Amino acid sequence: MSAEGATGGDDRDPLAAASLYVVRVQDRIDGAIAGHDGCAYVSPPASRDSALALVGLLLGGDPRPVNGGAAWTRAVPGGRRTITLAPARGSAR
């Protein structure tokens, strides 16, 4: 957490800032190349900033320039990685 929220320096919607998000990752891999067909992962609920930081790590760069949507696709050895950002169930909206 930053001090901005406590001092009023954060101009985002307080409900949006309190919302939790999950990051979903699906790797689709050619089993003949990698020896497996891929894997999937769903992150624990986190703040939007933390979730976007995870997306950035998974992409190997900053996700914000392409954040018009909430899905990113990248090539990985032998296949493709799809990453999505979605509100966590039960989070404030």
N, C-alpha and C. Protein backbone atom coordinates (compact mmCIF):
# COMPACT_ATOMS: atom_id res chain seq x y z
N MET A 1 0.84 -1.18 0.00
CA MET A 1 0.00 0.00 0.00
C MET A 1 0.88 1.24 0.00
N SER A 2 0.36 2.27 -0.59
CA SER A 2 1.11 3.52 -0.60
C SER A 2 0.46 4.51 0.33
N ALA A 3 1.21 5.55 0.64
CA ALA A 3 0.68 6.60 1.50
C ALA A 3 -0.32 7.46 0.75
N GLU A 4 -0.35 7.39 -0.59
CA GLU A 4 -1.25 8.22 -1.36
C GLU A 4 -2.70 8.00 -0.98
N GLY A 5 -3.09 6.74 -0.79
CA GLY A 5 -4.47 6.45 -0.43
C GLY A 5 -4.85 7.06 0.91
N ALA A 6 -3.93 7.07 1.84
CA ALA A 6 -4.20 7.61 3.16
C ALA A 6 -4.23 9.13 3.15
N THR A 7 -3.49 9.76 2.25
CA THR A 7 -3.41 11.22 2.25
C THR A 7 -4.33 11.86 1.23
N GLY A 8 -5.06 11.05 0.46
CA GLY A 8 -5.97 11.60 -0.53
C GLY A 8 -5.27 11.92 -1.85
N GLY A 9 -4.01 11.55 -2.04
CA GLY A 9 -3.30 11.85 -3.26
C GLY A 9 -3.65 10.92 -4.41
N ASP A 10 -4.44 9.89 -4.15
CA ASP A 10 -4.83 8.93 -5.18
C ASP A 10 -6.17 9.37 -5.75
N ASP A 11 -6.20 9.71 -7.05
CA ASP A 11 -7.43 10.23 -7.63
C ASP A 11 -8.28 9.16 -8.30
N ARG A 12 -7.96 7.87 -8.09
CA ARG A 12 -8.79 6.79 -8.63
C ARG A 12 -10.05 6.65 -7.79
N ASP A 13 -11.06 6.02 -8.37
CA ASP A 13 -12.29 5.70 -7.67
C ASP A 13 -11.97 4.79 -6.50
N PRO A 14 -12.36 5.16 -5.27
CA PRO A 14 -12.02 4.33 -4.10
C PRO A 14 -12.57 2.90 -4.21
N LEU A 15 -13.75 2.73 -4.81
CA LEU A 15 -14.29 1.38 -4.97
C LEU A 15 -13.44 0.57 -5.94
N ALA A 16 -12.99 1.20 -7.01
CA ALA A 16 -12.13 0.50 -7.97
C ALA A 16 -10.81 0.14 -7.32
N ALA A 17 -10.28 1.04 -6.50
CA ALA A 17 -9.00 0.76 -5.84
C ALA A 17 -9.14 -0.40 -4.86
N ALA A 18 -10.33 -0.57 -4.27
CA ALA A 18 -10.54 -1.63 -3.29
C ALA A 18 -10.88 -2.96 -3.95
N SER A 19 -11.18 -2.96 -5.25
CA SER A 19 -11.54 -4.18 -5.95
C SER A 19 -10.35 -5.11 -6.03
N LEU A 20 -10.65 -6.40 -6.03
CA LEU A 20 -9.61 -7.41 -6.16
C LEU A 20 -9.70 -8.06 -7.53
N TYR A 21 -8.56 -8.47 -8.06
CA TYR A 21 -8.47 -9.06 -9.38
C TYR A 21 -7.70 -10.37 -9.32
N VAL A 22 -7.99 -11.24 -10.28
CA VAL A 22 -7.22 -12.46 -10.44
C VAL A 22 -6.58 -12.44 -11.83
N VAL A 23 -5.42 -13.05 -11.91
CA VAL A 23 -4.72 -13.21 -13.18
C VAL A 23 -4.83 -14.69 -13.56
N ARG A 24 -5.30 -14.93 -14.77
CA ARG A 24 -5.39 -16.30 -15.28
C ARG A 24 -4.38 -16.47 -16.40
N VAL A 25 -3.64 -17.56 -16.34
CA VAL A 25 -2.61 -17.84 -17.34
C VAL A 25 -2.90 -19.21 -17.94
N GLN A 26 -2.91 -19.28 -19.26
CA GLN A 26 -3.08 -20.55 -19.95
C GLN A 26 -1.95 -20.70 -20.96
N ASP A 27 -1.10 -21.69 -20.77
CA ASP A 27 -0.05 -22.01 -21.74
C ASP A 27 -0.53 -23.18 -22.59
N ARG A 28 -0.61 -22.95 -23.88
CA ARG A 28 -0.95 -24.02 -24.82
C ARG A 28 0.32 -24.36 -25.57
N ILE A 29 0.80 -25.57 -25.34
CA ILE A 29 2.11 -25.99 -25.84
C ILE A 29 1.94 -27.24 -26.72
N ASP A 30 2.74 -27.34 -27.76
CA ASP A 30 2.77 -28.53 -28.60
C ASP A 30 3.49 -29.63 -27.82
N GLY A 31 2.73 -30.67 -27.46
CA GLY A 31 3.29 -31.76 -26.66
C GLY A 31 4.46 -32.47 -27.32
N ALA A 32 4.48 -32.51 -28.65
CA ALA A 32 5.58 -33.17 -29.34
C ALA A 32 6.89 -32.41 -29.16
N ILE A 33 6.80 -31.11 -28.95
CA ILE A 33 7.99 -30.28 -28.77
C ILE A 33 8.42 -30.25 -27.30
N ALA A 34 7.46 -30.01 -26.42
CA ALA A 34 7.80 -29.78 -25.01
C ALA A 34 7.63 -30.99 -24.11
N GLY A 35 6.96 -32.02 -24.59
CA GLY A 35 6.74 -33.19 -23.74
C GLY A 35 5.52 -33.04 -22.84
N HIS A 36 4.80 -31.92 -22.96
CA HIS A 36 3.55 -31.71 -22.23
C HIS A 36 2.69 -30.74 -23.04
N ASP A 37 1.41 -30.69 -22.71
CA ASP A 37 0.48 -29.86 -23.49
C ASP A 37 0.28 -28.47 -22.91
N GLY A 38 1.03 -28.10 -21.90
CA GLY A 38 0.89 -26.78 -21.30
C GLY A 38 0.37 -26.87 -19.88
N CYS A 39 -0.02 -25.72 -19.35
CA CYS A 39 -0.52 -25.68 -17.98
C CYS A 39 -1.37 -24.43 -17.81
N ALA A 40 -2.03 -24.36 -16.67
CA ALA A 40 -2.88 -23.21 -16.36
C ALA A 40 -2.61 -22.79 -14.92
N TYR A 41 -2.85 -21.50 -14.66
CA TYR A 41 -2.64 -20.96 -13.32
C TYR A 41 -3.65 -19.85 -13.09
N VAL A 42 -4.19 -19.78 -11.87
CA VAL A 42 -5.05 -18.67 -11.45
C VAL A 42 -4.44 -18.11 -10.18
N SER A 43 -4.14 -16.80 -10.20
CA SER A 43 -3.51 -16.17 -9.04
C SER A 43 -4.52 -16.00 -7.91
N PRO A 44 -4.03 -15.83 -6.70
CA PRO A 44 -4.92 -15.43 -5.61
C PRO A 44 -5.42 -14.01 -5.88
N PRO A 45 -6.56 -13.63 -5.32
CA PRO A 45 -7.05 -12.26 -5.50
C PRO A 45 -6.03 -11.24 -4.99
N ALA A 46 -5.89 -10.15 -5.75
CA ALA A 46 -4.93 -9.10 -5.39
C ALA A 46 -5.46 -7.76 -5.89
N SER A 47 -4.85 -6.69 -5.42
CA SER A 47 -5.23 -5.36 -5.90
C SER A 47 -4.94 -5.27 -7.39
N ARG A 48 -5.55 -4.31 -8.07
CA ARG A 48 -5.35 -4.16 -9.51
C ARG A 48 -3.87 -3.91 -9.83
N ASP A 49 -3.23 -3.05 -9.05
CA ASP A 49 -1.81 -2.76 -9.30
C ASP A 49 -0.94 -4.00 -9.14
N SER A 50 -1.21 -4.80 -8.10
CA SER A 50 -0.43 -6.03 -7.90
C SER A 50 -0.70 -7.03 -9.01
N ALA A 51 -1.96 -7.13 -9.43
CA ALA A 51 -2.30 -8.06 -10.51
C ALA A 51 -1.62 -7.63 -11.80
N LEU A 52 -1.61 -6.32 -12.09
CA LEU A 52 -0.94 -5.84 -13.30
C LEU A 52 0.57 -6.05 -13.21
N ALA A 53 1.13 -5.95 -12.02
CA ALA A 53 2.57 -6.23 -11.85
C ALA A 53 2.86 -7.69 -12.19
N LEU A 54 1.99 -8.59 -11.77
CA LEU A 54 2.16 -10.01 -12.10
C LEU A 54 2.04 -10.21 -13.62
N VAL A 55 1.06 -9.56 -14.24
CA VAL A 55 0.92 -9.65 -15.69
C VAL A 55 2.20 -9.18 -16.36
N GLY A 56 2.76 -8.07 -15.88
CA GLY A 56 4.01 -7.56 -16.44
C GLY A 56 5.14 -8.56 -16.33
N LEU A 57 5.24 -9.24 -15.19
CA LEU A 57 6.28 -10.27 -15.02
C LEU A 57 6.08 -11.43 -15.99
N LEU A 58 4.84 -11.83 -16.15
CA LEU A 58 4.55 -12.96 -17.04
C LEU A 58 4.77 -12.61 -18.51
N LEU A 59 4.59 -11.33 -18.85
CA LEU A 59 4.81 -10.88 -20.23
C LEU A 59 6.25 -10.52 -20.50
N GLY A 60 6.99 -10.25 -19.45
CA GLY A 60 8.37 -9.80 -19.63
C GLY A 60 8.45 -8.31 -19.90
N GLY A 61 7.43 -7.56 -19.52
CA GLY A 61 7.43 -6.12 -19.71
C GLY A 61 6.20 -5.49 -19.09
N ASP A 62 6.05 -4.19 -19.25
CA ASP A 62 4.95 -3.43 -18.66
C ASP A 62 3.66 -3.67 -19.44
N PRO A 63 2.58 -4.15 -18.79
CA PRO A 63 1.34 -4.42 -19.51
C PRO A 63 0.49 -3.18 -19.77
N ARG A 64 0.79 -2.07 -19.14
CA ARG A 64 -0.10 -0.91 -19.23
C ARG A 64 -0.30 -0.34 -20.64
N PRO A 65 0.71 -0.30 -21.51
CA PRO A 65 0.45 0.26 -22.84
C PRO A 65 -0.60 -0.49 -23.64
N VAL A 66 -0.81 -1.76 -23.36
CA VAL A 66 -1.79 -2.54 -24.11
C VAL A 66 -2.99 -2.89 -23.24
N ASN A 67 -3.27 -2.07 -22.24
CA ASN A 67 -4.30 -2.41 -21.27
C ASN A 67 -5.70 -1.97 -21.71
N GLY A 68 -5.92 -1.72 -23.01
CA GLY A 68 -7.26 -1.38 -23.47
C GLY A 68 -8.22 -2.52 -23.18
N GLY A 69 -7.74 -3.74 -23.33
CA GLY A 69 -8.51 -4.92 -22.97
C GLY A 69 -7.92 -5.51 -21.72
N ALA A 70 -8.34 -6.68 -21.40
CA ALA A 70 -7.80 -7.33 -20.21
C ALA A 70 -7.24 -8.69 -20.57
N ALA A 71 -6.71 -8.82 -21.80
CA ALA A 71 -6.12 -10.08 -22.23
C ALA A 71 -4.87 -9.79 -23.05
N TRP A 72 -3.86 -10.61 -22.85
CA TRP A 72 -2.60 -10.50 -23.56
C TRP A 72 -2.20 -11.88 -24.05
N THR A 73 -1.57 -11.94 -25.21
CA THR A 73 -1.09 -13.20 -25.76
C THR A 73 0.37 -13.03 -26.16
N ARG A 74 1.18 -14.02 -25.81
CA ARG A 74 2.60 -14.00 -26.17
C ARG A 74 3.02 -15.38 -26.64
N ALA A 75 3.96 -15.40 -27.55
CA ALA A 75 4.55 -16.67 -27.98
C ALA A 75 5.49 -17.16 -26.88
N VAL A 76 5.44 -18.44 -26.64
CA VAL A 76 6.39 -19.10 -25.73
C VAL A 76 6.96 -20.28 -26.50
N PRO A 77 8.11 -20.81 -26.10
CA PRO A 77 8.69 -21.93 -26.84
C PRO A 77 7.69 -23.07 -26.99
N GLY A 78 7.36 -23.39 -28.23
CA GLY A 78 6.46 -24.49 -28.52
C GLY A 78 4.98 -24.16 -28.46
N GLY A 79 4.64 -22.90 -28.23
CA GLY A 79 3.21 -22.59 -28.15
C GLY A 79 2.89 -21.14 -27.88
N ARG A 80 1.85 -20.94 -27.10
CA ARG A 80 1.32 -19.61 -26.85
C ARG A 80 0.86 -19.48 -25.41
N ARG A 81 1.08 -18.31 -24.82
CA ARG A 81 0.62 -17.99 -23.46
C ARG A 81 -0.46 -16.93 -23.57
N THR A 82 -1.60 -17.19 -22.94
CA THR A 82 -2.68 -16.22 -22.86
C THR A 82 -2.86 -15.83 -21.40
N ILE A 83 -2.88 -14.53 -21.15
CA ILE A 83 -3.01 -14.00 -19.80
C ILE A 83 -4.25 -13.11 -19.77
N THR A 84 -5.11 -13.31 -18.78
CA THR A 84 -6.28 -12.45 -18.64
C THR A 84 -6.33 -11.89 -17.23
N LEU A 85 -6.91 -10.73 -17.12
CA LEU A 85 -7.11 -10.04 -15.84
C LEU A 85 -8.60 -9.90 -15.65
N ALA A 86 -9.13 -10.36 -14.53
CA ALA A 86 -10.57 -10.32 -14.29
C ALA A 86 -10.84 -9.99 -12.83
N PRO A 87 -11.98 -9.34 -12.55
CA PRO A 87 -12.34 -9.10 -11.15
C PRO A 87 -12.51 -10.44 -10.42
N ALA A 88 -12.04 -10.46 -9.20
CA ALA A 88 -12.21 -11.66 -8.37
C ALA A 88 -13.67 -11.74 -7.95
N ARG A 89 -14.16 -12.93 -7.81
CA ARG A 89 -15.54 -13.10 -7.34
C ARG A 89 -15.67 -12.54 -5.94
N GLY A 90 -16.74 -11.80 -5.73
CA GLY A 90 -17.00 -11.26 -4.39
C GLY A 90 -16.25 -9.99 -4.05
N SER A 91 -15.45 -9.44 -5.01
CA SER A 91 -14.73 -8.19 -4.70
C SER A 91 -15.66 -7.01 -4.90
N ALA A 92 -15.33 -5.90 -4.28
CA ALA A 92 -16.11 -4.68 -4.40
C ALA A 92 -16.10 -4.21 -5.84
N ARG A 93 -17.22 -3.74 -6.33
CA ARG A 93 -17.28 -3.26 -7.71
C ARG A 93 -17.75 -1.86 -7.77
